[in-house]
Amino acid sequence: MKRSNLLLFLMVVLFAADCLAQSVADIARQERERQKSAKSRVVATSYGTSNIASTATKPVPTATATEKPGAATANNGKDEKYWRAAFQTARDNAKRAAARVELLDLKIKQLNTDMLQYSSFYNREYRLGPEIAAAQKELEDARKESEVAQKKITDLEEELRKSGGPAGWAR
């Protein structure tokens, strides 16, 4: 008798837990609805900005970085966001130029290997010769672009230093 009561109790508990459990999809839908209702709209007027229909616990800040009192800016009026974006763009350009140099260098090496492996005189002199010359010209141009990109980074560092901004903005 005790066993059957225990078994019956477990079945009722499992059935109740199964009925009350929410699916992950239901929880996700509820969270999306909560987030939609929690967002605030910002309406711009001729006199400034104001939050309307805000149900969020924290209102969205409406002042920009240049309007905030105590916001850090360099002597030339450029803030941290500007400097970080400028440095990231310069670094991306430098990486792209360095990758292009490496790619063209590998292409020249492959063409030179092909030149040594082909036995046909026609292929070596008339087809591969101009390709190698063109690839070498592209490599020289790519190296110049890479140098310009590296110089841009050093110029930005110098400009940041002269403007009085912290060196951490260059990271």
C-alpha atoms as a PDB file:
ATOM      1  CA  MET A   1       0.000   0.000   0.000  1.00  0.00           C
ATOM      2  CA  LYS A   2       2.773   2.415   0.859  1.00  0.00           C
ATOM      3  CA  ARG A   3       4.476   1.725  -2.420  1.00  0.00           C
ATOM      4  CA  SER A   4       1.380   2.387  -4.483  1.00  0.00           C
ATOM      5  CA  ASN A   5       0.742   5.648  -2.589  1.00  0.00           C
ATOM      6  CA  LEU A   6       4.319   6.751  -3.215  1.00  0.00           C
ATOM      7  CA  LEU A   7       4.055   5.833  -6.878  1.00  0.00           C
ATOM      8  CA  LEU A   8       0.767   7.692  -7.196  1.00  0.00           C
ATOM      9  CA  PHE A   9       2.240  10.736  -5.462  1.00  0.00           C
ATOM     10  CA  LEU A  10       5.243  10.780  -7.825  1.00  0.00           C
ATOM     11  CA  MET A  11       2.986  10.503 -10.867  1.00  0.00           C
ATOM     12  CA  VAL A  12       0.852  13.431  -9.672  1.00  0.00           C
ATOM     13  CA  VAL A  13       3.951  15.558  -8.980  1.00  0.00           C
ATOM     14  CA  LEU A  14       5.451  14.790 -12.392  1.00  0.00           C
ATOM     15  CA  PHE A  15       2.148  15.498 -14.142  1.00  0.00           C
ATOM     16  CA  ALA A  16       1.766  18.823 -12.307  1.00  0.00           C
ATOM     17  CA  ALA A  17       5.355  19.818 -13.094  1.00  0.00           C
ATOM     18  CA  ASP A  18       4.832  18.971 -16.753  1.00  0.00           C
ATOM     19  CA  CYS A  19       1.638  21.031 -16.951  1.00  0.00           C
ATOM     20  CA  LEU A  20       3.126  24.074 -15.245  1.00  0.00           C
ATOM     21  CA  ALA A  21       6.422  24.128 -17.117  1.00  0.00           C
ATOM     22  CA  GLN A  22       6.882  26.842 -19.745  1.00  0.00           C
ATOM     23  CA  SER A  23       8.599  26.151 -22.976  1.00  0.00           C
ATOM     24  CA  VAL A  24      11.706  28.086 -23.963  1.00  0.00           C
ATOM     25  CA  ALA A  25       9.773  29.643 -26.840  1.00  0.00           C
ATOM     26  CA  ASP A  26       7.102  30.984 -24.468  1.00  0.00           C
ATOM     27  CA  ILE A  27       9.744  32.497 -22.218  1.00  0.00           C
ATOM     28  CA  ALA A  28      11.490  34.098 -25.216  1.00  0.00           C
ATOM     29  CA  ARG A  29       8.186  35.593 -26.451  1.00  0.00           C
ATOM     30  CA  GLN A  30       7.469  37.035 -23.023  1.00  0.00           C
ATOM     31  CA  GLU A  31      10.968  38.538 -22.804  1.00  0.00           C
ATOM     32  CA  ARG A  32      10.640  40.140 -26.262  1.00  0.00           C
ATOM     33  CA  GLU A  33       7.325  41.690 -25.263  1.00  0.00           C
ATOM     34  CA  ARG A  34       8.834  42.986 -22.025  1.00  0.00           C
ATOM     35  CA  GLN A  35      11.763  44.529 -23.882  1.00  0.00           C
ATOM     36  CA  LYS A  36       9.474  46.159 -26.469  1.00  0.00           C
ATOM     37  CA  SER A  37       7.387  47.756 -23.760  1.00  0.00           C
ATOM     38  CA  ALA A  38      10.461  48.819 -21.783  1.00  0.00           C
ATOM     39  CA  LYS A  39      12.019  50.821 -24.621  1.00  0.00           C
ATOM     40  CA  SER A  40      11.522  54.555 -24.560  1.00  0.00           C
ATOM     41  CA  ARG A  41      10.987  56.784 -27.524  1.00  0.00           C
ATOM     42  CA  VAL A  42      12.988  59.984 -27.886  1.00  0.00           C
ATOM     43  CA  VAL A  43      11.185  62.859 -29.572  1.00  0.00           C
ATOM     44  CA  ALA A  44      13.193  65.853 -30.761  1.00  0.00           C
ATOM     45  CA  THR A  45      11.568  69.272 -30.521  1.00  0.00           C
ATOM     46  CA  SER A  46      12.893  72.678 -31.433  1.00  0.00           C
ATOM     47  CA  TYR A  47      13.673  73.271 -27.744  1.00  0.00           C
ATOM     48  CA  GLY A  48      15.514  70.048 -27.029  1.00  0.00           C
ATOM     49  CA  THR A  49      14.692  66.398 -26.549  1.00  0.00           C
ATOM     50  CA  SER A  50      12.288  64.655 -24.231  1.00  0.00           C
ATOM     51  CA  ASN A  51      11.470  61.059 -23.349  1.00  0.00           C
ATOM     52  CA  ILE A  52       7.904  60.032 -24.132  1.00  0.00           C
ATOM     53  CA  ALA A  53       6.172  56.808 -23.110  1.00  0.00           C
ATOM     54  CA  SER A  54       9.109  55.614 -21.094  1.00  0.00           C
ATOM     55  CA  THR A  55       8.380  52.569 -18.978  1.00  0.00           C
ATOM     56  CA  ALA A  56      12.005  51.533 -18.612  1.00  0.00           C
ATOM     57  CA  THR A  57      13.611  51.623 -15.217  1.00  0.00           C
ATOM     58  CA  LYS A  58      16.508  53.640 -16.631  1.00  0.00           C
ATOM     59  CA  PRO A  59      15.682  56.387 -19.151  1.00  0.00           C
ATOM     60  CA  VAL A  60      17.767  56.673 -22.281  1.00  0.00           C
ATOM     61  CA  PRO A  61      20.315  59.510 -21.961  1.00  0.00           C
ATOM     62  CA  THR A  62      19.555  62.254 -24.472  1.00  0.00           C
ATOM     63  CA  ALA A  63      22.678  64.400 -24.210  1.00  0.00           C
ATOM     64  CA  THR A  64      25.519  63.768 -26.621  1.00  0.00           C
ATOM     65  CA  ALA A  65      29.136  63.232 -25.609  1.00  0.00           C
ATOM     66  CA  THR A  66      30.045  66.857 -26.324  1.00  0.00           C
ATOM     67  CA  GLU A  67      27.167  68.170 -24.179  1.00  0.00           C
ATOM     68  CA  LYS A  68      27.890  66.072 -21.096  1.00  0.00           C
ATOM     69  CA  PRO A  69      29.478  68.016 -18.294  1.00  0.00           C
ATOM     70  CA  GLY A  70      32.863  66.592 -17.402  1.00  0.00           C
ATOM     71  CA  ALA A  71      33.134  64.524 -20.590  1.00  0.00           C
ATOM     72  CA  ALA A  72      36.766  63.976 -21.531  1.00  0.00           C
ATOM     73  CA  THR A  73      37.850  65.637 -24.752  1.00  0.00           C
ATOM     74  CA  ALA A  74      41.236  66.479 -26.150  1.00  0.00           C
ATOM     75  CA  ASN A  75      42.326  70.098 -26.687  1.00  0.00           C
ATOM     76  CA  ASN A  76      41.052  70.045 -30.266  1.00  0.00           C
ATOM     77  CA  GLY A  77      37.523  69.064 -29.161  1.00  0.00           C
ATOM     78  CA  LYS A  78      37.676  65.451 -30.308  1.00  0.00           C
ATOM     79  CA  ASP A  79      36.482  62.889 -27.801  1.00  0.00           C
ATOM     80  CA  GLU A  80      37.489  59.321 -27.026  1.00  0.00           C
ATOM     81  CA  LYS A  81      34.947  57.841 -29.435  1.00  0.00           C
ATOM     82  CA  TYR A  82      36.450  59.771 -32.362  1.00  0.00           C
ATOM     83  CA  TRP A  83      40.013  58.755 -31.534  1.00  0.00           C
ATOM     84  CA  ARG A  84      39.200  55.079 -31.020  1.00  0.00           C
ATOM     85  CA  ALA A  85      37.292  54.960 -34.318  1.00  0.00           C
ATOM     86  CA  ALA A  86      40.111  56.736 -36.161  1.00  0.00           C
ATOM     87  CA  PHE A  87      42.740  54.379 -34.772  1.00  0.00           C
ATOM     88  CA  GLN A  88      40.616  51.300 -35.496  1.00  0.00           C
ATOM     89  CA  THR A  89      40.109  52.414 -39.101  1.00  0.00           C
ATOM     90  CA  ALA A  90      43.824  53.111 -39.515  1.00  0.00           C
ATOM     91  CA  ARG A  91      44.747  49.720 -38.025  1.00  0.00           C
ATOM     92  CA  ASP A  92      42.254  47.936 -40.283  1.00  0.00           C
ATOM     93  CA  ASN A  93      43.709  49.664 -43.329  1.00  0.00           C
ATOM     94  CA  ALA A  94      47.240  48.745 -42.246  1.00  0.00           C
ATOM     95  CA  LYS A  95      46.271  45.088 -41.740  1.00  0.00           C
ATOM     96  CA  ARG A  96      44.561  44.996 -45.119  1.00  0.00           C
ATOM     97  CA  ALA A  97      47.620  46.493 -46.824  1.00  0.00           C
ATOM     98  CA  ALA A  98      49.981  44.075 -45.059  1.00  0.00           C
ATOM     99  CA  ALA A  99      47.796  41.122 -46.062  1.00  0.00           C
ATOM    100  CA  ARG A 100      47.834  42.310 -49.675  1.00  0.00           C
ATOM    101  CA  VAL A 101      51.642  42.560 -49.619  1.00  0.00           C
ATOM    102  CA  GLU A 102      51.879  39.040 -48.242  1.00  0.00           C
ATOM    103  CA  LEU A 103      49.432  37.725 -50.834  1.00  0.00           C
ATOM    104  CA  LEU A 104      51.294  39.316 -53.735  1.00  0.00           C
ATOM    105  CA  ASP A 105      54.601  38.051 -52.395  1.00  0.00           C
ATOM    106  CA  LEU A 106      53.200  34.515 -52.359  1.00  0.00           C
ATOM    107  CA  LYS A 107      51.870  35.005 -55.895  1.00  0.00           C
ATOM    108  CA  ILE A 108      55.319  36.026 -57.145  1.00  0.00           C
ATOM    109  CA  LYS A 109      56.899  33.034 -55.441  1.00  0.00           C
ATOM    110  CA  GLN A 110      54.352  30.728 -57.084  1.00  0.00           C
ATOM    111  CA  LEU A 111      54.953  32.283 -60.509  1.00  0.00           C
ATOM    112  CA  ASN A 112      58.723  31.870 -60.099  1.00  0.00           C
ATOM    113  CA  THR A 113      58.195  28.230 -59.121  1.00  0.00           C
ATOM    114  CA  ASP A 114      56.002  27.732 -62.187  1.00  0.00           C
ATOM    115  CA  MET A 115      58.688  29.345 -64.345  1.00  0.00           C
ATOM    116  CA  LEU A 116      61.216  26.776 -63.144  1.00  0.00           C
ATOM    117  CA  GLN A 117      58.866  23.811 -63.468  1.00  0.00           C
ATOM    118  CA  TYR A 118      57.444  24.372 -66.960  1.00  0.00           C
ATOM    119  CA  SER A 119      59.515  22.810 -69.679  1.00  0.00           C
ATOM    120  CA  SER A 120      57.969  24.717 -72.566  1.00  0.00           C
ATOM    121  CA  PHE A 121      60.054  27.721 -73.565  1.00  0.00           C
ATOM    122  CA  TYR A 122      56.937  29.478 -74.838  1.00  0.00           C
ATOM    123  CA  ASN A 123      55.173  29.266 -71.483  1.00  0.00           C
ATOM    124  CA  ARG A 124      58.153  30.466 -69.530  1.00  0.00           C
ATOM    125  CA  GLU A 125      59.097  33.463 -71.607  1.00  0.00           C
ATOM    126  CA  TYR A 126      55.877  34.709 -73.119  1.00  0.00           C
ATOM    127  CA  ARG A 127      53.246  33.881 -70.557  1.00  0.00           C
ATOM    128  CA  LEU A 128      54.926  33.836 -67.163  1.00  0.00           C
ATOM    129  CA  GLY A 129      57.406  36.642 -67.781  1.00  0.00           C
ATOM    130  CA  PRO A 130      54.789  39.404 -68.129  1.00  0.00           C
ATOM    131  CA  GLU A 131      52.744  37.959 -65.253  1.00  0.00           C
ATOM    132  CA  ILE A 132      55.781  38.090 -62.959  1.00  0.00           C
ATOM    133  CA  ALA A 133      56.561  41.662 -64.024  1.00  0.00           C
ATOM    134  CA  ALA A 134      52.966  42.754 -63.400  1.00  0.00           C
ATOM    135  CA  ALA A 135      52.889  41.018 -60.015  1.00  0.00           C
ATOM    136  CA  GLN A 136      56.160  42.698 -59.007  1.00  0.00           C
ATOM    137  CA  LYS A 137      54.722  46.104 -59.948  1.00  0.00           C
ATOM    138  CA  GLU A 138      51.598  45.359 -57.875  1.00  0.00           C
ATOM    139  CA  LEU A 139      53.818  44.280 -54.976  1.00  0.00           C
ATOM    140  CA  GLU A 140      55.734  47.563 -55.071  1.00  0.00           C
ATOM    141  CA  ASP A 141      52.459  49.507 -55.049  1.00  0.00           C
ATOM    142  CA  ALA A 142      51.131  47.395 -52.185  1.00  0.00           C
ATOM    143  CA  ARG A 143      54.298  47.989 -50.164  1.00  0.00           C
ATOM    144  CA  LYS A 144      53.903  51.744 -50.687  1.00  0.00           C
ATOM    145  CA  GLU A 145      50.266  51.512 -49.527  1.00  0.00           C
ATOM    146  CA  SER A 146      51.382  49.566 -46.466  1.00  0.00           C
ATOM    147  CA  GLU A 147      53.963  52.232 -45.617  1.00  0.00           C
ATOM    148  CA  VAL A 148      51.347  54.972 -46.012  1.00  0.00           C
ATOM    149  CA  ALA A 149      48.960  53.073 -43.727  1.00  0.00           C
ATOM    150  CA  GLN A 150      51.673  52.672 -41.062  1.00  0.00           C
ATOM    151  CA  LYS A 151      52.544  56.364 -41.368  1.00  0.00           C
ATOM    152  CA  LYS A 152      48.866  57.232 -40.876  1.00  0.00           C
ATOM    153  CA  ILE A 153      48.905  55.381 -37.541  1.00  0.00           C
ATOM    154  CA  THR A 154      52.029  57.193 -36.364  1.00  0.00           C
ATOM    155  CA  ASP A 155      50.558  60.533 -37.518  1.00  0.00           C
ATOM    156  CA  LEU A 156      47.386  59.822 -35.544  1.00  0.00           C
ATOM    157  CA  GLU A 157      49.456  58.961 -32.462  1.00  0.00           C
ATOM    158  CA  GLU A 158      51.381  62.216 -32.833  1.00  0.00           C
ATOM    159  CA  GLU A 159      48.178  64.214 -33.322  1.00  0.00           C
ATOM    160  CA  LEU A 160      46.640  62.609 -30.230  1.00  0.00           C
ATOM    161  CA  ARG A 161      49.746  63.384 -28.209  1.00  0.00           C
ATOM    162  CA  LYS A 162      49.756  67.027 -29.344  1.00  0.00           C
ATOM    163  CA  SER A 163      46.053  67.447 -28.616  1.00  0.00           C
ATOM    164  CA  GLY A 164      46.578  66.362 -25.021  1.00  0.00           C
ATOM    165  CA  GLY A 165      44.392  63.268 -25.148  1.00  0.00           C
ATOM    166  CA  PRO A 166      45.309  60.239 -23.043  1.00  0.00           C
ATOM    167  CA  ALA A 167      47.401  57.570 -24.762  1.00  0.00           C
ATOM    168  CA  GLY A 168      44.788  54.950 -23.878  1.00  0.00           C
ATOM    169  CA  TRP A 169      42.505  56.347 -26.573  1.00  0.00           C
ATOM    170  CA  ALA A 170      44.888  54.977 -29.175  1.00  0.00           C
ATOM    171  CA  ARG A 171      44.181  51.377 -28.146  1.00  0.00           C
END
